[in-house]
Amino acid sequence: MIEPALADEALLADVAAASDPDRICVWWLGQSGFLIKCAGRHLLIDPYLSDSLTRKYAGTDRPHVRMSRRVVDPAALDFVDVAASTHGHTDHLDAETLAPILAAGAALVCPAAGRALARSRTGREPDVALDWGERATIAGFELEAVPAAHPRMVPEYTGYVVRCAGRRVYHSGDSEVYPGMAGRVGPVDLALLPINGALANMGGVDAARLARALPAGLAVPCHYDMFEFNTASPDPFAAECERLGQPFQVLRLGERLSVG
């Protein structure tokens, strides 16, 4: 079992201690889940902090055996202002994770085409539902929905460009690289990209090349080390970033990244 760099009370203390208003702080929570702090406000994207999929697929031909320990109990994230989902797969829209966070007052953001599913799964209407190209500002974060291809480019799959404190952070959601993707997103300070290379997601080499094409000031890999059947090493991503001269950082779970 992979142990986080910071977890539970230590993670919460680190989040509370991050106080520079001119920087964006980011913590990887596992799979594609990230906590972003900017100007004292908090945004979650695609948090998966339960064992719902492990229970669901137990005894099947595709058991979802966890590789990493849960970073934090979602009930402890009662300070979160916004929770955003890129699409309806459970590791990106998990009712068990979202229930206590939304009950504590967080706003819910999802793709417009996923509104009904989000409502069904969480038991409440999303606060913001975005079509590709639409933007909304909520709790100081401007979110723009951009296309994702998982594997088809259909409105149920999206990524987000997040703007705060003069910075741009791109979370691709689950996606393969598609023609014109870099131009559609544009330059960003930070790109958060999947590298598992299976089930209609880009692999590490493609993720590195996309980061360079955007371009991204810094690239961080995700969507690995959660389930044994669907993971990959970050080494090919790191090697290709080094070959291209693309700045990158491979985060440990719960580790803080500061972008300024």
Protein backbone atom coordinates (compact mmCIF):
# COMPACT_ATOMS: atom_id res chain seq x y z
CA MET A 1 0.00 0.00 0.00
CA ILE A 2 1.42 3.38 -1.04
CA GLU A 3 1.57 5.83 1.86
CA PRO A 4 0.89 9.53 1.19
CA ALA A 5 3.49 12.18 1.89
CA LEU A 6 0.87 13.92 4.01
CA ALA A 7 -2.48 12.56 5.11
CA ASP A 8 -5.36 13.32 7.45
CA GLU A 9 -4.48 15.90 10.12
CA ALA A 10 -1.02 16.56 8.66
CA LEU A 11 -2.53 17.29 5.26
CA LEU A 12 -5.21 19.54 6.72
CA ALA A 13 -2.58 21.45 8.68
CA ASP A 14 -0.52 21.95 5.53
CA VAL A 15 -3.56 23.24 3.63
CA ALA A 16 -4.34 25.67 6.44
CA ALA A 17 -0.72 26.87 6.54
CA ALA A 18 -0.60 27.73 2.82
CA SER A 19 -1.36 31.44 2.90
CA ASP A 20 0.46 33.27 0.06
CA PRO A 21 -2.29 35.22 -1.80
CA ASP A 22 -0.16 35.54 -4.94
CA ARG A 23 0.36 31.81 -5.42
CA ILE A 24 -1.82 28.84 -6.22
CA CYS A 25 -1.25 25.78 -4.04
CA VAL A 26 -2.17 22.32 -5.28
CA TRP A 27 -2.35 18.94 -3.52
CA TRP A 28 -2.76 15.62 -5.35
CA LEU A 29 -5.42 13.55 -3.59
CA GLY A 30 -5.12 10.44 -5.74
CA GLN A 31 -6.32 9.32 -9.20
CA SER A 32 -7.36 12.61 -10.88
CA GLY A 33 -8.34 14.36 -7.66
CA PHE A 34 -6.71 17.69 -6.80
CA LEU A 35 -7.31 20.29 -4.12
CA ILE A 36 -6.48 23.83 -5.28
CA LYS A 37 -6.13 26.76 -2.88
CA CYS A 38 -6.04 30.33 -4.13
CA ALA A 39 -6.59 33.58 -2.24
CA GLY A 40 -7.93 31.69 0.76
CA ARG A 41 -10.57 29.75 -1.24
CA HIS A 42 -10.58 26.05 -2.05
CA LEU A 43 -11.51 24.14 -5.20
CA LEU A 44 -11.69 20.36 -5.57
CA ILE A 45 -11.56 18.71 -8.99
CA ASP A 46 -12.50 15.04 -9.45
CA PRO A 47 -12.02 13.90 -5.84
CA TYR A 48 -12.25 10.16 -5.20
CA LEU A 49 -11.86 9.57 -1.47
CA SER A 50 -13.85 6.42 -0.80
CA ASP A 51 -13.76 2.69 -1.50
CA SER A 52 -17.02 2.65 -3.43
CA LEU A 53 -15.47 1.18 -6.59
CA THR A 54 -13.55 -1.46 -4.65
CA ARG A 55 -16.81 -2.65 -3.12
CA LYS A 56 -18.73 -2.37 -6.40
CA TYR A 57 -16.32 -4.54 -8.37
CA ALA A 58 -15.36 -7.04 -5.66
CA GLY A 59 -15.66 -10.57 -6.97
CA THR A 60 -15.83 -9.51 -10.62
CA ASP A 61 -13.32 -10.04 -13.43
CA ARG A 62 -12.04 -6.48 -12.90
CA PRO A 63 -11.53 -5.97 -9.16
CA HIS A 64 -10.61 -2.41 -8.23
CA VAL A 65 -7.84 -3.22 -5.76
CA ARG A 66 -6.50 -0.06 -4.13
CA MET A 67 -2.78 0.67 -4.38
CA SER A 68 -2.66 3.80 -2.21
CA ARG A 69 -4.08 4.71 1.15
CA ARG A 70 -6.83 7.32 1.26
CA VAL A 71 -5.34 10.76 1.80
CA VAL A 72 -8.15 12.28 3.84
CA ASP A 73 -11.70 11.65 4.99
CA PRO A 74 -13.94 13.80 2.76
CA ALA A 75 -15.94 14.81 5.85
CA ALA A 76 -12.84 16.74 6.96
CA LEU A 77 -13.00 18.90 3.80
CA ASP A 78 -15.84 21.04 5.12
CA PHE A 79 -13.91 24.20 4.16
CA VAL A 80 -14.07 23.48 0.42
CA ASP A 81 -15.89 26.18 -1.58
CA VAL A 82 -16.30 24.42 -4.93
CA ALA A 83 -16.27 20.77 -6.06
CA ALA A 84 -16.00 20.22 -9.82
CA SER A 85 -16.43 17.00 -11.78
CA THR A 86 -15.10 16.56 -15.31
CA HIS A 87 -17.44 13.65 -16.16
CA GLY A 88 -19.66 10.98 -14.71
CA HIS A 89 -17.31 8.03 -14.12
CA THR A 90 -17.38 7.23 -10.43
CA ASP A 91 -13.70 7.98 -9.82
CA HIS A 92 -14.52 11.53 -10.99
CA LEU A 93 -18.07 11.89 -9.65
CA ASP A 94 -18.24 9.82 -6.48
CA ALA A 95 -21.35 10.20 -4.37
CA GLU A 96 -19.66 8.92 -1.20
CA THR A 97 -16.88 11.48 -1.54
CA LEU A 98 -19.10 14.40 -2.52
CA ALA A 99 -21.94 13.91 -0.03
CA PRO A 100 -20.25 15.38 3.08
CA ILE A 101 -18.45 18.07 1.06
CA LEU A 102 -21.64 19.32 -0.56
CA ALA A 103 -23.56 19.02 2.71
CA ALA A 104 -21.01 21.36 4.29
CA GLY A 105 -21.83 24.03 1.69
CA ALA A 106 -19.58 23.48 -1.33
CA ALA A 107 -20.95 24.42 -4.75
CA LEU A 108 -21.10 21.67 -7.39
CA VAL A 109 -19.83 22.19 -10.95
CA CYS A 110 -20.23 19.66 -13.77
CA PRO A 111 -20.57 19.47 -17.56
CA ALA A 112 -23.96 20.62 -18.82
CA ALA A 113 -24.47 17.27 -20.53
CA GLY A 114 -23.87 15.55 -17.19
CA ARG A 115 -26.34 17.60 -15.19
CA ALA A 116 -28.94 14.84 -14.86
CA LEU A 117 -26.38 12.25 -13.78
CA ALA A 118 -24.84 14.63 -11.25
CA ARG A 119 -28.29 15.38 -9.86
CA SER A 120 -29.15 11.69 -9.64
CA ARG A 121 -25.89 10.73 -7.98
CA THR A 122 -25.61 13.59 -5.48
CA GLY A 123 -29.29 14.19 -4.82
CA ARG A 124 -29.09 17.89 -5.63
CA GLU A 125 -29.03 20.23 -8.59
CA PRO A 126 -25.55 21.32 -9.71
CA ASP A 127 -24.85 24.98 -8.99
CA VAL A 128 -23.05 25.44 -12.31
CA ALA A 129 -23.25 23.26 -15.45
CA LEU A 130 -20.99 24.27 -18.32
CA ASP A 131 -20.95 23.53 -22.03
CA TRP A 132 -17.62 23.61 -23.86
CA GLY A 133 -16.43 27.18 -24.17
CA GLU A 134 -18.59 28.48 -21.34
CA ARG A 135 -17.11 30.14 -18.27
CA ALA A 136 -18.37 30.75 -14.78
CA THR A 137 -16.81 32.42 -11.75
CA ILE A 138 -17.63 30.89 -8.40
CA ALA A 139 -15.90 31.55 -5.06
CA GLY A 140 -13.18 33.50 -6.87
CA PHE A 141 -12.33 30.70 -9.33
CA GLU A 142 -13.11 31.17 -13.00
CA LEU A 143 -13.72 27.80 -14.64
CA GLU A 144 -13.86 27.35 -18.40
CA ALA A 145 -15.04 24.03 -19.81
CA VAL A 146 -12.91 22.69 -22.66
CA PRO A 147 -13.41 19.51 -24.73
CA ALA A 148 -12.06 16.12 -23.72
CA ALA A 149 -11.95 12.96 -25.84
CA HIS A 150 -12.64 9.84 -23.78
CA PRO A 151 -12.33 8.47 -26.42
CA ARG A 152 -14.95 10.40 -28.39
CA MET A 153 -15.36 14.16 -28.13
CA VAL A 154 -18.86 14.32 -26.70
CA PRO A 155 -20.16 16.96 -24.26
CA GLU A 156 -20.32 14.53 -21.34
CA TYR A 157 -16.51 14.66 -21.18
CA THR A 158 -14.78 17.90 -20.35
CA GLY A 159 -11.65 19.47 -18.93
CA TYR A 160 -11.38 22.75 -17.06
CA VAL A 161 -9.11 25.75 -17.36
CA VAL A 162 -9.12 27.40 -13.94
CA ARG A 163 -8.11 31.02 -13.53
CA CYS A 164 -7.20 32.54 -10.17
CA ALA A 165 -4.59 35.05 -8.95
CA GLY A 166 -3.53 35.68 -12.53
CA ARG A 167 -2.65 31.99 -13.08
CA ARG A 168 -4.14 29.39 -15.41
CA VAL A 169 -4.41 25.74 -14.36
CA TYR A 170 -5.56 23.10 -16.83
CA HIS A 171 -7.16 19.85 -15.63
CA SER A 172 -7.78 17.71 -18.70
CA GLY A 173 -10.14 15.23 -17.07
CA ASP A 174 -9.98 11.82 -18.70
CA SER A 175 -8.89 12.32 -22.30
CA GLU A 176 -6.79 11.17 -25.17
CA VAL A 177 -4.87 13.81 -27.12
CA TYR A 178 -6.97 15.03 -30.05
CA PRO A 179 -6.12 17.30 -33.02
CA GLY A 180 -6.09 20.95 -32.03
CA MET A 181 -6.17 20.20 -28.31
CA ALA A 182 -3.19 22.39 -27.39
CA GLY A 183 -4.53 25.34 -29.34
CA ARG A 184 -7.95 24.96 -27.76
CA VAL A 185 -6.52 25.14 -24.25
CA GLY A 186 -3.63 27.57 -24.81
CA PRO A 187 -0.71 28.45 -22.53
CA VAL A 188 -1.12 27.51 -18.87
CA ASP A 189 0.96 27.81 -15.74
CA LEU A 190 0.14 24.25 -14.68
CA ALA A 191 -1.20 21.22 -16.56
CA LEU A 192 -2.66 18.24 -14.67
CA LEU A 193 -2.70 15.29 -17.09
CA PRO A 194 -3.52 11.56 -16.93
CA ILE A 195 -0.78 9.10 -17.83
CA ASN A 196 -2.33 5.65 -17.39
CA GLY A 197 -2.39 5.13 -21.17
CA ALA A 198 -5.42 2.84 -21.14
CA LEU A 199 -9.22 3.00 -21.15
CA ALA A 200 -9.17 6.00 -23.51
CA ASN A 201 -6.60 8.09 -21.65
CA MET A 202 -3.31 9.50 -22.87
CA GLY A 203 -0.11 7.82 -21.78
CA GLY A 204 2.91 9.45 -20.23
CA VAL A 205 4.73 10.27 -23.47
CA ASP A 206 1.64 11.84 -25.05
CA ALA A 207 0.95 13.79 -21.85
CA ALA A 208 4.48 15.21 -21.87
CA ARG A 209 4.18 16.21 -25.52
CA LEU A 210 0.81 17.87 -24.91
CA ALA A 211 2.26 19.84 -21.99
CA ARG A 212 5.07 21.06 -24.23
CA ALA A 213 2.64 21.98 -27.02
CA LEU A 214 0.31 24.03 -24.79
CA PRO A 215 2.84 25.18 -23.49
CA ALA A 216 2.66 24.50 -19.75
CA GLY A 217 4.90 26.22 -17.24
CA LEU A 218 4.79 23.00 -15.25
CA ALA A 219 3.23 19.58 -15.91
CA VAL A 220 2.04 17.11 -13.26
CA PRO A 221 0.93 13.52 -14.01
CA CYS A 222 -2.14 11.88 -12.48
CA HIS A 223 -4.56 8.97 -12.90
CA TYR A 224 -2.18 6.24 -11.72
CA ASP A 225 -1.32 4.37 -8.50
CA MET A 226 -4.98 4.10 -7.47
CA PHE A 227 -6.11 0.71 -8.83
CA GLU A 228 -3.90 -2.25 -9.69
CA PHE A 229 -5.65 -2.98 -13.00
CA ASN A 230 -5.33 0.58 -14.31
CA THR A 231 -2.02 2.21 -13.51
CA ALA A 232 1.30 3.14 -15.10
CA SER A 233 4.74 4.28 -14.09
CA PRO A 234 5.39 8.04 -14.30
CA ASP A 235 8.90 7.31 -15.59
CA PRO A 236 8.09 7.55 -19.34
CA PHE A 237 6.33 10.87 -18.67
CA ALA A 238 9.34 12.18 -16.77
CA ALA A 239 11.80 10.95 -19.40
CA GLU A 240 9.89 12.56 -22.26
CA CYS A 241 9.53 15.84 -20.33
CA GLU A 242 13.29 15.85 -19.79
CA ARG A 243 13.91 15.14 -23.48
CA LEU A 244 11.61 17.99 -24.52
CA GLY A 245 12.82 20.45 -21.89
CA GLN A 246 9.33 20.52 -20.40
CA PRO A 247 9.31 21.43 -16.68
CA PHE A 248 7.48 18.82 -14.63
CA GLN A 249 6.99 17.51 -11.13
CA VAL A 250 5.88 14.05 -10.05
CA LEU A 251 3.92 14.56 -6.86
CA ARG A 252 3.47 12.20 -3.96
CA LEU A 253 -0.03 11.92 -2.59
CA GLY A 254 -0.78 14.78 -0.24
CA GLU A 255 2.31 16.74 -1.31
CA ARG A 256 1.93 20.50 -1.78
CA LEU A 257 2.86 22.17 -5.05
CA SER A 258 3.08 25.96 -5.09
CA VAL A 259 2.69 27.81 -8.40
CA GLY A 260 3.65 31.46 -8.57
